[in-house]
N, C-alpha and C. Protein backbone atom coordinates (compact mmCIF):
# COMPACT_ATOMS: atom_id res chain seq x y z
N MET A 1 0.84 -1.19 0.00
CA MET A 1 0.00 0.00 0.00
C MET A 1 0.88 1.24 0.00
N PRO A 2 0.62 2.19 -0.91
CA PRO A 2 1.43 3.39 -0.95
C PRO A 2 1.26 4.23 0.31
N ALA A 3 2.34 4.91 0.69
CA ALA A 3 2.27 5.81 1.83
C ALA A 3 1.36 6.97 1.47
N LYS A 4 0.86 7.64 2.51
CA LYS A 4 -0.02 8.78 2.30
C LYS A 4 0.70 9.82 1.44
N ASN A 5 -0.03 10.42 0.52
CA ASN A 5 0.48 11.45 -0.39
C ASN A 5 1.45 10.92 -1.44
N GLN A 6 1.55 9.61 -1.59
CA GLN A 6 2.37 9.04 -2.66
C GLN A 6 1.45 8.45 -3.71
N PRO A 7 1.82 8.63 -4.97
CA PRO A 7 0.98 8.04 -6.01
C PRO A 7 1.05 6.51 -5.95
N PRO A 8 0.03 5.84 -6.46
CA PRO A 8 0.08 4.37 -6.47
C PRO A 8 1.19 3.89 -7.40
N ARG A 9 1.70 2.70 -7.10
CA ARG A 9 2.76 2.13 -7.94
C ARG A 9 2.19 1.87 -9.34
N ASP A 10 2.97 2.22 -10.34
CA ASP A 10 2.53 2.01 -11.72
C ASP A 10 3.33 0.87 -12.35
N ALA A 11 3.04 0.58 -13.61
CA ALA A 11 3.67 -0.54 -14.30
C ALA A 11 5.18 -0.36 -14.42
N VAL A 12 5.65 0.86 -14.62
CA VAL A 12 7.10 1.08 -14.74
C VAL A 12 7.78 0.73 -13.42
N GLU A 13 7.22 1.16 -12.32
CA GLU A 13 7.81 0.86 -11.01
C GLU A 13 7.81 -0.64 -10.74
N LEU A 14 6.73 -1.32 -11.10
CA LEU A 14 6.68 -2.78 -10.93
C LEU A 14 7.75 -3.47 -11.77
N ALA A 15 7.96 -3.01 -12.99
CA ALA A 15 8.98 -3.60 -13.86
C ALA A 15 10.38 -3.37 -13.31
N VAL A 16 10.63 -2.18 -12.77
CA VAL A 16 11.94 -1.88 -12.21
C VAL A 16 12.24 -2.81 -11.03
N ASP A 17 11.22 -3.22 -10.30
CA ASP A 17 11.43 -4.18 -9.22
C ASP A 17 11.99 -5.50 -9.75
N VAL A 18 11.57 -5.92 -10.93
CA VAL A 18 12.06 -7.17 -11.52
C VAL A 18 13.45 -6.97 -12.12
N PHE A 19 13.67 -5.84 -12.78
CA PHE A 19 14.93 -5.59 -13.48
C PHE A 19 15.73 -4.52 -12.76
N SER A 20 16.05 -4.80 -11.52
CA SER A 20 16.62 -3.77 -10.67
C SER A 20 18.13 -3.62 -10.75
N ASP A 21 18.81 -4.47 -11.50
CA ASP A 21 20.26 -4.28 -11.60
C ASP A 21 20.77 -4.65 -12.99
N ARG A 22 21.98 -4.26 -13.26
CA ARG A 22 22.56 -4.46 -14.59
C ARG A 22 22.70 -5.93 -14.95
N TRP A 23 23.01 -6.78 -13.96
CA TRP A 23 23.22 -8.20 -14.27
C TRP A 23 21.96 -8.86 -14.79
N THR A 24 20.83 -8.47 -14.27
CA THR A 24 19.57 -9.07 -14.72
C THR A 24 19.38 -8.81 -16.21
N PHE A 25 19.58 -7.58 -16.64
CA PHE A 25 19.44 -7.26 -18.06
C PHE A 25 20.49 -7.97 -18.91
N LEU A 26 21.72 -8.03 -18.41
CA LEU A 26 22.78 -8.67 -19.19
C LEU A 26 22.57 -10.18 -19.31
N ILE A 27 22.05 -10.80 -18.27
CA ILE A 27 21.73 -12.23 -18.35
C ILE A 27 20.62 -12.45 -19.38
N LEU A 28 19.61 -11.62 -19.35
CA LEU A 28 18.54 -11.73 -20.35
C LEU A 28 19.07 -11.48 -21.75
N ARG A 29 19.97 -10.52 -21.91
CA ARG A 29 20.57 -10.28 -23.22
C ARG A 29 21.26 -11.54 -23.72
N GLU A 30 22.03 -12.19 -22.86
CA GLU A 30 22.71 -13.43 -23.24
C GLU A 30 21.68 -14.48 -23.66
N ALA A 31 20.59 -14.59 -22.92
CA ALA A 31 19.55 -15.56 -23.26
C ALA A 31 18.94 -15.23 -24.62
N PHE A 32 18.71 -13.95 -24.91
CA PHE A 32 18.18 -13.56 -26.21
C PHE A 32 19.18 -13.87 -27.33
N PHE A 33 20.47 -13.88 -27.01
CA PHE A 33 21.50 -14.21 -28.00
C PHE A 33 21.70 -15.72 -28.12
N GLY A 34 20.89 -16.50 -27.39
CA GLY A 34 20.94 -17.95 -27.52
C GLY A 34 21.78 -18.67 -26.49
N VAL A 35 22.34 -17.96 -25.52
CA VAL A 35 23.14 -18.59 -24.47
C VAL A 35 22.19 -19.16 -23.43
N ARG A 36 22.31 -20.44 -23.15
CA ARG A 36 21.40 -21.10 -22.22
C ARG A 36 22.10 -21.70 -21.01
N ARG A 37 23.39 -21.89 -21.08
CA ARG A 37 24.09 -22.64 -20.03
C ARG A 37 24.86 -21.72 -19.10
N TYR A 38 24.83 -22.11 -17.84
CA TYR A 38 25.43 -21.35 -16.75
C TYR A 38 26.89 -20.99 -17.05
N GLY A 39 27.69 -21.99 -17.40
CA GLY A 39 29.11 -21.76 -17.62
C GLY A 39 29.40 -20.77 -18.73
N GLN A 40 28.63 -20.86 -19.81
CA GLN A 40 28.83 -19.93 -20.92
C GLN A 40 28.41 -18.51 -20.53
N MET A 41 27.31 -18.40 -19.77
CA MET A 41 26.89 -17.08 -19.28
C MET A 41 27.97 -16.48 -18.40
N GLN A 42 28.50 -17.31 -17.51
CA GLN A 42 29.51 -16.83 -16.57
C GLN A 42 30.75 -16.34 -17.32
N ARG A 43 31.19 -17.09 -18.31
CA ARG A 43 32.37 -16.69 -19.11
C ARG A 43 32.08 -15.44 -19.92
N ASN A 44 30.94 -15.39 -20.58
CA ASN A 44 30.62 -14.24 -21.43
C ASN A 44 30.50 -12.94 -20.64
N LEU A 45 29.91 -13.04 -19.46
CA LEU A 45 29.63 -11.84 -18.66
C LEU A 45 30.76 -11.48 -17.70
N GLY A 46 31.60 -12.45 -17.34
CA GLY A 46 32.62 -12.18 -16.33
C GLY A 46 32.01 -11.89 -14.97
N ILE A 47 30.87 -12.46 -14.71
CA ILE A 47 30.11 -12.25 -13.48
C ILE A 47 30.54 -13.27 -12.43
N ALA A 48 30.55 -12.88 -11.18
CA ALA A 48 30.86 -13.81 -10.10
C ALA A 48 29.82 -14.93 -10.08
N ARG A 49 30.25 -16.14 -9.82
CA ARG A 49 29.36 -17.30 -9.85
C ARG A 49 28.19 -17.15 -8.87
N ASN A 50 28.46 -16.65 -7.67
CA ASN A 50 27.37 -16.50 -6.70
C ASN A 50 26.34 -15.47 -7.15
N VAL A 51 26.80 -14.41 -7.81
CA VAL A 51 25.88 -13.38 -8.32
C VAL A 51 25.05 -13.95 -9.45
N LEU A 52 25.69 -14.69 -10.37
CA LEU A 52 24.97 -15.31 -11.47
C LEU A 52 23.93 -16.29 -10.94
N ALA A 53 24.32 -17.13 -10.00
CA ALA A 53 23.37 -18.11 -9.45
C ALA A 53 22.18 -17.41 -8.80
N ASP A 54 22.44 -16.32 -8.09
CA ASP A 54 21.36 -15.57 -7.44
C ASP A 54 20.42 -14.95 -8.47
N ARG A 55 20.98 -14.30 -9.50
CA ARG A 55 20.14 -13.66 -10.52
C ARG A 55 19.35 -14.69 -11.31
N LEU A 56 19.96 -15.84 -11.62
CA LEU A 56 19.23 -16.89 -12.33
C LEU A 56 18.07 -17.40 -11.49
N ARG A 57 18.30 -17.59 -10.20
CA ARG A 57 17.20 -18.00 -9.29
C ARG A 57 16.07 -16.97 -9.30
N GLN A 58 16.44 -15.70 -9.26
CA GLN A 58 15.43 -14.64 -9.29
C GLN A 58 14.67 -14.64 -10.61
N LEU A 59 15.37 -14.79 -11.72
CA LEU A 59 14.72 -14.78 -13.03
C LEU A 59 13.81 -15.99 -13.20
N VAL A 60 14.21 -17.13 -12.65
CA VAL A 60 13.33 -18.31 -12.68
C VAL A 60 12.12 -18.04 -11.79
N GLY A 61 12.34 -17.51 -10.60
CA GLY A 61 11.25 -17.19 -9.68
C GLY A 61 10.28 -16.16 -10.23
N ASP A 62 10.80 -15.22 -11.02
CA ASP A 62 9.96 -14.18 -11.63
C ASP A 62 9.29 -14.66 -12.91
N GLY A 63 9.56 -15.92 -13.30
CA GLY A 63 8.92 -16.46 -14.49
C GLY A 63 9.53 -15.99 -15.80
N MET A 64 10.75 -15.48 -15.75
CA MET A 64 11.41 -14.99 -16.96
C MET A 64 12.23 -16.09 -17.65
N LEU A 65 12.78 -16.98 -16.85
CA LEU A 65 13.56 -18.10 -17.37
C LEU A 65 12.99 -19.40 -16.82
N GLU A 66 13.17 -20.46 -17.58
CA GLU A 66 12.78 -21.79 -17.15
C GLU A 66 14.06 -22.62 -17.04
N ARG A 67 14.22 -23.30 -15.91
CA ARG A 67 15.39 -24.16 -15.69
C ARG A 67 15.03 -25.56 -16.19
N VAL A 68 15.77 -26.04 -17.21
CA VAL A 68 15.45 -27.30 -17.87
C VAL A 68 16.67 -28.22 -17.83
N ARG A 69 16.47 -29.45 -17.33
CA ARG A 69 17.57 -30.41 -17.30
C ARG A 69 17.84 -30.90 -18.71
N TYR A 70 19.13 -30.89 -19.10
CA TYR A 70 19.49 -31.39 -20.43
C TYR A 70 20.46 -32.58 -20.34
N ARG A 71 20.87 -32.94 -19.12
CA ARG A 71 21.77 -34.08 -18.94
C ARG A 71 21.58 -34.63 -17.54
N THR A 72 21.74 -35.95 -17.41
CA THR A 72 21.67 -36.58 -16.09
C THR A 72 23.00 -37.25 -15.77
N ASP A 73 23.18 -37.50 -14.48
CA ASP A 73 24.35 -38.23 -13.96
C ASP A 73 25.67 -37.58 -14.33
N PRO A 74 25.98 -36.39 -13.85
CA PRO A 74 25.19 -35.57 -12.94
C PRO A 74 24.17 -34.73 -13.71
N ASP A 75 23.20 -34.20 -12.95
CA ASP A 75 22.18 -33.35 -13.56
C ASP A 75 22.79 -32.01 -13.97
N TRP A 76 22.58 -31.65 -15.22
CA TRP A 76 22.99 -30.34 -15.73
C TRP A 76 21.75 -29.66 -16.28
N TYR A 77 21.70 -28.35 -16.08
CA TYR A 77 20.52 -27.59 -16.47
C TYR A 77 20.90 -26.45 -17.42
N GLU A 78 19.93 -26.03 -18.21
CA GLU A 78 20.06 -24.83 -19.00
C GLU A 78 18.88 -23.93 -18.71
N TYR A 79 19.00 -22.69 -19.12
CA TYR A 79 17.97 -21.69 -18.83
C TYR A 79 17.38 -21.21 -20.15
N ARG A 80 16.07 -21.35 -20.26
CA ARG A 80 15.37 -20.97 -21.49
C ARG A 80 14.41 -19.81 -21.21
N LEU A 81 14.32 -18.91 -22.15
CA LEU A 81 13.39 -17.79 -22.04
C LEU A 81 11.96 -18.30 -22.05
N THR A 82 11.14 -17.74 -21.18
CA THR A 82 9.72 -18.05 -21.17
C THR A 82 8.98 -17.06 -22.06
N GLU A 83 7.71 -17.31 -22.28
CA GLU A 83 6.90 -16.35 -23.06
C GLU A 83 6.91 -14.98 -22.40
N ARG A 84 6.91 -14.98 -21.08
CA ARG A 84 6.95 -13.71 -20.34
C ARG A 84 8.21 -12.93 -20.70
N ALA A 85 9.33 -13.61 -20.77
CA ALA A 85 10.59 -12.95 -21.12
C ALA A 85 10.61 -12.55 -22.59
N LEU A 86 10.08 -13.41 -23.45
CA LEU A 86 10.06 -13.09 -24.87
C LEU A 86 9.27 -11.82 -25.15
N ASP A 87 8.27 -11.54 -24.33
CA ASP A 87 7.51 -10.30 -24.46
C ASP A 87 8.37 -9.07 -24.16
N LEU A 88 9.51 -9.28 -23.53
CA LEU A 88 10.42 -8.19 -23.19
C LEU A 88 11.33 -7.81 -24.36
N TYR A 89 11.33 -8.60 -25.42
CA TYR A 89 12.25 -8.38 -26.54
C TYR A 89 12.21 -6.94 -27.08
N PRO A 90 11.05 -6.35 -27.31
CA PRO A 90 11.06 -4.96 -27.81
C PRO A 90 11.78 -3.99 -26.87
N VAL A 91 11.70 -4.24 -25.58
CA VAL A 91 12.38 -3.37 -24.61
C VAL A 91 13.89 -3.52 -24.74
N ILE A 92 14.36 -4.76 -24.86
CA ILE A 92 15.80 -5.02 -25.01
C ILE A 92 16.32 -4.37 -26.30
N VAL A 93 15.60 -4.56 -27.39
CA VAL A 93 16.01 -3.95 -28.67
C VAL A 93 15.97 -2.43 -28.55
N GLY A 94 14.94 -1.89 -27.91
CA GLY A 94 14.85 -0.45 -27.73
C GLY A 94 16.02 0.11 -26.93
N LEU A 95 16.39 -0.56 -25.85
CA LEU A 95 17.55 -0.12 -25.06
C LEU A 95 18.83 -0.18 -25.88
N MET A 96 18.98 -1.25 -26.64
CA MET A 96 20.16 -1.42 -27.46
C MET A 96 20.26 -0.30 -28.50
N ARG A 97 19.17 -0.04 -29.20
CA ARG A 97 19.18 1.00 -30.23
C ARG A 97 19.38 2.39 -29.61
N TRP A 98 18.79 2.63 -28.45
CA TRP A 98 18.98 3.92 -27.77
C TRP A 98 20.45 4.12 -27.42
N ALA A 99 21.08 3.09 -26.86
CA ALA A 99 22.49 3.19 -26.48
C ALA A 99 23.38 3.38 -27.71
N GLU A 100 23.06 2.68 -28.79
CA GLU A 100 23.85 2.85 -30.02
C GLU A 100 23.75 4.28 -30.54
N ARG A 101 22.59 4.88 -30.37
CA ARG A 101 22.38 6.23 -30.88
C ARG A 101 22.97 7.30 -29.97
N HIS A 102 22.84 7.11 -28.65
CA HIS A 102 23.20 8.18 -27.72
C HIS A 102 24.47 7.95 -26.90
N LEU A 103 24.95 6.72 -26.82
CA LEU A 103 26.10 6.44 -25.98
C LEU A 103 27.30 5.90 -26.74
N ALA A 104 27.13 5.60 -28.01
CA ALA A 104 28.20 5.00 -28.80
C ALA A 104 29.37 5.96 -28.96
N THR A 105 30.55 5.40 -29.01
CA THR A 105 31.76 6.17 -29.27
C THR A 105 32.42 5.60 -30.52
N GLU A 106 33.31 6.39 -31.09
CA GLU A 106 33.98 5.95 -32.32
C GLU A 106 34.76 4.67 -32.13
N ASP A 107 35.36 4.48 -30.97
CA ASP A 107 36.17 3.29 -30.73
C ASP A 107 35.37 2.16 -30.07
N GLY A 108 34.06 2.36 -29.93
CA GLY A 108 33.21 1.33 -29.33
C GLY A 108 32.83 0.26 -30.34
N PRO A 109 32.11 -0.74 -29.89
CA PRO A 109 31.70 -1.81 -30.80
C PRO A 109 30.73 -1.31 -31.86
N ALA A 110 30.77 -1.97 -33.00
CA ALA A 110 29.83 -1.63 -34.08
C ALA A 110 28.43 -2.04 -33.65
N PRO A 111 27.41 -1.32 -34.13
CA PRO A 111 26.03 -1.69 -33.79
C PRO A 111 25.72 -3.12 -34.24
N LEU A 112 24.96 -3.81 -33.43
CA LEU A 112 24.55 -5.17 -33.74
C LEU A 112 23.51 -5.14 -34.85
N GLU A 113 23.71 -5.93 -35.88
CA GLU A 113 22.73 -5.99 -36.96
C GLU A 113 21.71 -7.07 -36.64
N LEU A 114 20.45 -6.73 -36.78
CA LEU A 114 19.36 -7.67 -36.55
C LEU A 114 18.80 -8.09 -37.91
N ILE A 115 18.79 -9.38 -38.18
CA ILE A 115 18.32 -9.90 -39.46
C ILE A 115 16.98 -10.60 -39.25
N HIS A 116 16.00 -10.22 -40.04
CA HIS A 116 14.68 -10.83 -39.97
C HIS A 116 14.75 -12.21 -40.63
N ARG A 117 14.48 -13.26 -39.85
CA ARG A 117 14.61 -14.63 -40.37
C ARG A 117 13.68 -14.90 -41.54
N SER A 118 12.50 -14.30 -41.55
CA SER A 118 11.52 -14.58 -42.62
C SER A 118 11.98 -14.09 -43.99
N CYS A 119 12.55 -12.88 -44.04
CA CYS A 119 12.91 -12.32 -45.34
C CYS A 119 14.41 -12.23 -45.56
N GLY A 120 15.19 -12.38 -44.48
CA GLY A 120 16.64 -12.33 -44.61
C GLY A 120 17.24 -10.94 -44.67
N ASN A 121 16.41 -9.92 -44.53
CA ASN A 121 16.88 -8.53 -44.61
C ASN A 121 17.15 -7.96 -43.22
N PRO A 122 17.99 -6.91 -43.17
CA PRO A 122 18.19 -6.24 -41.88
C PRO A 122 16.87 -5.69 -41.36
N ALA A 123 16.63 -5.89 -40.08
CA ALA A 123 15.41 -5.41 -39.45
C ALA A 123 15.73 -4.16 -38.63
N ASP A 124 14.88 -3.19 -38.71
CA ASP A 124 15.00 -1.98 -37.90
C ASP A 124 13.68 -1.80 -37.18
N PRO A 125 13.46 -2.56 -36.10
CA PRO A 125 12.18 -2.49 -35.41
C PRO A 125 11.89 -1.08 -34.89
N TYR A 126 10.63 -0.73 -34.86
CA TYR A 126 10.22 0.56 -34.34
C TYR A 126 8.87 0.43 -33.66
N LEU A 127 8.54 1.39 -32.83
CA LEU A 127 7.27 1.44 -32.13
C LEU A 127 6.25 2.13 -33.05
N ALA A 128 5.10 1.48 -33.21
CA ALA A 128 4.08 2.05 -34.09
C ALA A 128 2.71 1.92 -33.45
N CYS A 129 1.79 2.76 -33.87
CA CYS A 129 0.41 2.71 -33.41
C CYS A 129 -0.25 1.45 -33.96
N SER A 130 -0.96 0.74 -33.11
CA SER A 130 -1.62 -0.49 -33.55
C SER A 130 -2.84 -0.21 -34.43
N HIS A 131 -3.30 1.03 -34.47
CA HIS A 131 -4.47 1.38 -35.30
C HIS A 131 -4.09 1.92 -36.67
N CYS A 132 -3.26 2.95 -36.68
CA CYS A 132 -2.92 3.58 -37.97
C CYS A 132 -1.54 3.17 -38.48
N HIS A 133 -0.76 2.48 -37.66
CA HIS A 133 0.57 1.95 -38.02
C HIS A 133 1.63 3.03 -38.23
N GLU A 134 1.36 4.25 -37.80
CA GLU A 134 2.35 5.32 -37.88
C GLU A 134 3.38 5.12 -36.77
N PRO A 135 4.66 5.44 -37.04
CA PRO A 135 5.67 5.37 -35.98
C PRO A 135 5.30 6.31 -34.84
N LEU A 136 5.66 5.91 -33.60
CA LEU A 136 5.34 6.69 -32.41
C LEU A 136 6.59 7.17 -31.71
N THR A 137 6.51 8.37 -31.16
CA THR A 137 7.53 8.89 -30.25
C THR A 137 6.81 9.36 -29.00
N ALA A 138 7.56 9.75 -28.00
CA ALA A 138 6.96 10.24 -26.76
C ALA A 138 6.09 11.47 -27.00
N ARG A 139 6.43 12.26 -28.01
CA ARG A 139 5.66 13.46 -28.32
C ARG A 139 4.30 13.16 -28.93
N ASP A 140 4.11 11.92 -29.38
CA ASP A 140 2.85 11.54 -30.03
C ASP A 140 1.84 10.93 -29.08
N ILE A 141 2.17 10.80 -27.82
CA ILE A 141 1.35 10.06 -26.85
C ILE A 141 0.82 10.99 -25.77
N THR A 142 -0.43 10.78 -25.38
CA THR A 142 -1.02 11.47 -24.24
C THR A 142 -1.39 10.41 -23.21
N PRO A 143 -0.68 10.34 -22.10
CA PRO A 143 -1.02 9.34 -21.07
C PRO A 143 -2.23 9.80 -20.27
N ILE A 144 -3.12 8.85 -19.98
CA ILE A 144 -4.30 9.14 -19.18
C ILE A 144 -4.33 8.13 -18.05
N LEU A 145 -4.28 8.61 -16.83
CA LEU A 145 -4.32 7.74 -15.65
C LEU A 145 -5.69 7.07 -15.54
N PRO A 146 -5.71 5.82 -15.09
CA PRO A 146 -7.01 5.16 -14.89
C PRO A 146 -7.90 5.99 -13.96
N GLY A 147 -9.13 6.15 -14.34
CA GLY A 147 -10.09 6.91 -13.54
C GLY A 147 -10.05 8.41 -13.76
N ALA A 148 -9.05 8.89 -14.51
CA ALA A 148 -8.96 10.33 -14.78
C ALA A 148 -9.91 10.67 -15.92
N PRO A 149 -10.45 11.88 -15.91
CA PRO A 149 -11.32 12.28 -17.02
C PRO A 149 -10.53 12.37 -18.31
N ALA A 150 -11.15 12.02 -19.41
CA ALA A 150 -10.50 12.07 -20.71
C ALA A 150 -10.24 13.52 -21.10
N ALA A 151 -9.14 13.74 -21.81
CA ALA A 151 -8.80 15.08 -22.28
C ALA A 151 -9.74 15.48 -23.40
N GLU A 152 -10.04 16.75 -23.47
CA GLU A 152 -10.93 17.23 -24.52
C GLU A 152 -10.17 17.70 -25.72
């Protein structure tokens, strides 16, 4: 329950609770790049094993990853993206494109090219209106709080 005089928690605040640190996003990025195994994630990220184990537990608990056994004797597991996590893909691509546009340096890595599997061409995803299909920016949107009167 929000404290007196504080607005109610919104969807952005709830999402930040799930993605509250850099490792969570980087682990998900690795999963989107097809990395499923603990050891490969640990090597790619250079993350401490205890931190990786903790974040993977959290991501499984939050329903973002599924822990699946792929070998027995001994049991070995991999981590697969769930539908819930796959719904996050536009956010990951948006963050990546934003950083490439606003944080890139000349000596930094080249932008990652995204290829659409269906047509084989470079994909440049963008946010668009579901009704008229026009591209959207923050300047094109009017947010209306639930229960608030509609703007005239």
